Amino acid sequence: MIGENEAAIEDCSHAIQLNPQYYRAYYGRGAARSYIAFSVLMKYTKAGKDA
């Protein structure tokens, strides 16, 4: 899933370059970044519980 979100970030960044007024690209990029951050946080939280 993280790979898909990284691709989404790249796509949204490209869309922003083409049209900086396209607010949905900013939203999509932010959502993808948030998902990646949340996934990493959950992995570390789970690793801490397993230790």
N, C-alpha and C. Protein backbone atom coordinates (compact mmCIF):
# COMPACT_ATOMS: atom_id res chain seq x y z
N MET A 1 0.80 -1.20 0.00
CA MET A 1 0.00 0.00 0.00
C MET A 1 0.85 1.27 0.00
N ILE A 2 2.00 1.23 0.66
CA ILE A 2 2.82 2.43 0.71
C ILE A 2 3.32 2.79 -0.68
N GLY A 3 3.65 1.79 -1.48
CA GLY A 3 4.10 2.05 -2.85
C GLY A 3 3.03 2.76 -3.67
N GLU A 4 1.78 2.36 -3.48
CA GLU A 4 0.69 3.01 -4.19
C GLU A 4 0.54 4.47 -3.74
N ASN A 5 0.74 4.71 -2.46
CA ASN A 5 0.62 6.07 -1.95
C ASN A 5 1.78 6.94 -2.41
N GLU A 6 2.96 6.37 -2.53
CA GLU A 6 4.09 7.13 -3.06
C GLU A 6 3.83 7.52 -4.51
N ALA A 7 3.24 6.61 -5.27
CA ALA A 7 2.88 6.93 -6.65
C ALA A 7 1.81 8.01 -6.69
N ALA A 8 0.87 7.96 -5.75
CA ALA A 8 -0.18 8.98 -5.69
C ALA A 8 0.42 10.35 -5.37
N ILE A 9 1.41 10.38 -4.48
CA ILE A 9 2.08 11.64 -4.15
C ILE A 9 2.75 12.22 -5.39
N GLU A 10 3.43 11.37 -6.14
CA GLU A 10 4.08 11.84 -7.36
C GLU A 10 3.06 12.36 -8.37
N ASP A 11 1.97 11.62 -8.53
CA ASP A 11 0.93 12.05 -9.48
C ASP A 11 0.31 13.38 -9.07
N CYS A 12 0.03 13.52 -7.78
CA CYS A 12 -0.57 14.76 -7.30
C CYS A 12 0.40 15.92 -7.43
N SER A 13 1.67 15.67 -7.15
CA SER A 13 2.67 16.73 -7.30
C SER A 13 2.76 17.18 -8.75
N HIS A 14 2.68 16.23 -9.66
CA HIS A 14 2.71 16.58 -11.09
C HIS A 14 1.47 17.39 -11.46
N ALA A 15 0.32 16.99 -10.94
CA ALA A 15 -0.91 17.73 -11.22
C ALA A 15 -0.82 19.15 -10.69
N ILE A 16 -0.19 19.33 -9.53
CA ILE A 16 -0.03 20.67 -8.95
C ILE A 16 0.89 21.52 -9.82
N GLN A 17 1.93 20.90 -10.38
CA GLN A 17 2.83 21.64 -11.28
C GLN A 17 2.07 22.11 -12.52
N LEU A 18 1.19 21.26 -13.01
CA LEU A 18 0.43 21.62 -14.20
C LEU A 18 -0.63 22.67 -13.91
N ASN A 19 -1.26 22.57 -12.74
CA ASN A 19 -2.32 23.50 -12.38
C ASN A 19 -2.29 23.74 -10.87
N PRO A 20 -1.58 24.76 -10.42
CA PRO A 20 -1.47 25.04 -8.98
C PRO A 20 -2.81 25.37 -8.31
N GLN A 21 -3.84 25.66 -9.08
CA GLN A 21 -5.15 25.97 -8.52
C GLN A 21 -5.99 24.72 -8.24
N TYR A 22 -5.51 23.55 -8.65
CA TYR A 22 -6.28 22.31 -8.52
C TYR A 22 -6.19 21.79 -7.09
N TYR A 23 -7.14 22.20 -6.26
CA TYR A 23 -7.09 21.90 -4.83
C TYR A 23 -7.18 20.41 -4.53
N ARG A 24 -7.82 19.65 -5.38
CA ARG A 24 -7.95 18.21 -5.11
C ARG A 24 -6.59 17.51 -5.12
N ALA A 25 -5.66 18.02 -5.89
CA ALA A 25 -4.32 17.44 -5.92
C ALA A 25 -3.62 17.66 -4.58
N TYR A 26 -3.80 18.84 -4.00
CA TYR A 26 -3.21 19.11 -2.68
C TYR A 26 -3.83 18.18 -1.63
N TYR A 27 -5.13 18.02 -1.70
CA TYR A 27 -5.83 17.15 -0.76
C TYR A 27 -5.36 15.71 -0.92
N GLY A 28 -5.29 15.23 -2.14
CA GLY A 28 -4.86 13.86 -2.39
C GLY A 28 -3.44 13.61 -1.94
N ARG A 29 -2.56 14.57 -2.19
CA ARG A 29 -1.17 14.43 -1.77
C ARG A 29 -1.07 14.40 -0.25
N GLY A 30 -1.83 15.25 0.40
CA GLY A 30 -1.83 15.26 1.86
C GLY A 30 -2.39 13.98 2.44
N ALA A 31 -3.44 13.46 1.84
CA ALA A 31 -4.03 12.21 2.33
C ALA A 31 -3.05 11.05 2.16
N ALA A 32 -2.36 11.00 1.05
CA ALA A 32 -1.38 9.94 0.83
C ALA A 32 -0.22 10.04 1.80
N ARG A 33 0.25 11.24 2.06
CA ARG A 33 1.34 11.43 3.03
C ARG A 33 0.88 11.05 4.43
N SER A 34 -0.34 11.39 4.77
CA SER A 34 -0.88 11.04 6.09
C SER A 34 -0.99 9.53 6.24
N TYR A 35 -1.43 8.86 5.18
CA TYR A 35 -1.56 7.40 5.24
C TYR A 35 -0.19 6.75 5.46
N ILE A 36 0.82 7.23 4.76
CA ILE A 36 2.17 6.68 4.93
C ILE A 36 2.65 6.91 6.36
N ALA A 37 2.48 8.12 6.86
CA ALA A 37 2.92 8.43 8.23
C ALA A 37 2.19 7.56 9.25
N PHE A 38 0.90 7.39 9.07
CA PHE A 38 0.11 6.57 9.98
C PHE A 38 0.56 5.11 9.92
N SER A 39 0.84 4.61 8.72
CA SER A 39 1.30 3.22 8.57
C SER A 39 2.63 3.00 9.28
N VAL A 40 3.54 3.94 9.14
CA VAL A 40 4.85 3.83 9.80
C VAL A 40 4.67 3.88 11.31
N LEU A 41 3.83 4.78 11.79
CA LEU A 41 3.57 4.89 13.22
C LEU A 41 2.99 3.59 13.78
N MET A 42 2.06 3.00 13.06
CA MET A 42 1.45 1.75 13.52
C MET A 42 2.47 0.61 13.55
N LYS A 43 3.40 0.58 12.60
CA LYS A 43 4.43 -0.45 12.59
C LYS A 43 5.32 -0.33 13.82
N TYR A 44 5.72 0.92 14.15
CA TYR A 44 6.57 1.13 15.31
C TYR A 44 5.81 0.84 16.60
N THR A 45 4.54 1.19 16.65
CA THR A 45 3.73 0.91 17.83
C THR A 45 3.60 -0.59 18.04
N LYS A 46 3.35 -1.31 16.96
CA LYS A 46 3.23 -2.76 17.05
C LYS A 46 4.56 -3.39 17.43
N ALA A 47 5.66 -2.89 16.87
CA ALA A 47 6.98 -3.42 17.20
C ALA A 47 7.29 -3.21 18.67
N GLY A 48 6.87 -2.08 19.23
CA GLY A 48 7.10 -1.81 20.64
C GLY A 48 6.30 -2.73 21.53
N LYS A 49 5.11 -3.11 21.12
CA LYS A 49 4.28 -4.04 21.90
C LYS A 49 4.83 -5.46 21.85
N ASP A 50 5.43 -5.83 20.72
CA ASP A 50 5.98 -7.18 20.55
C ASP A 50 7.28 -7.37 21.31
N ALA A 51 7.95 -6.29 21.65
CA ALA A 51 9.27 -6.38 22.30
C ALA A 51 9.15 -6.73 23.76
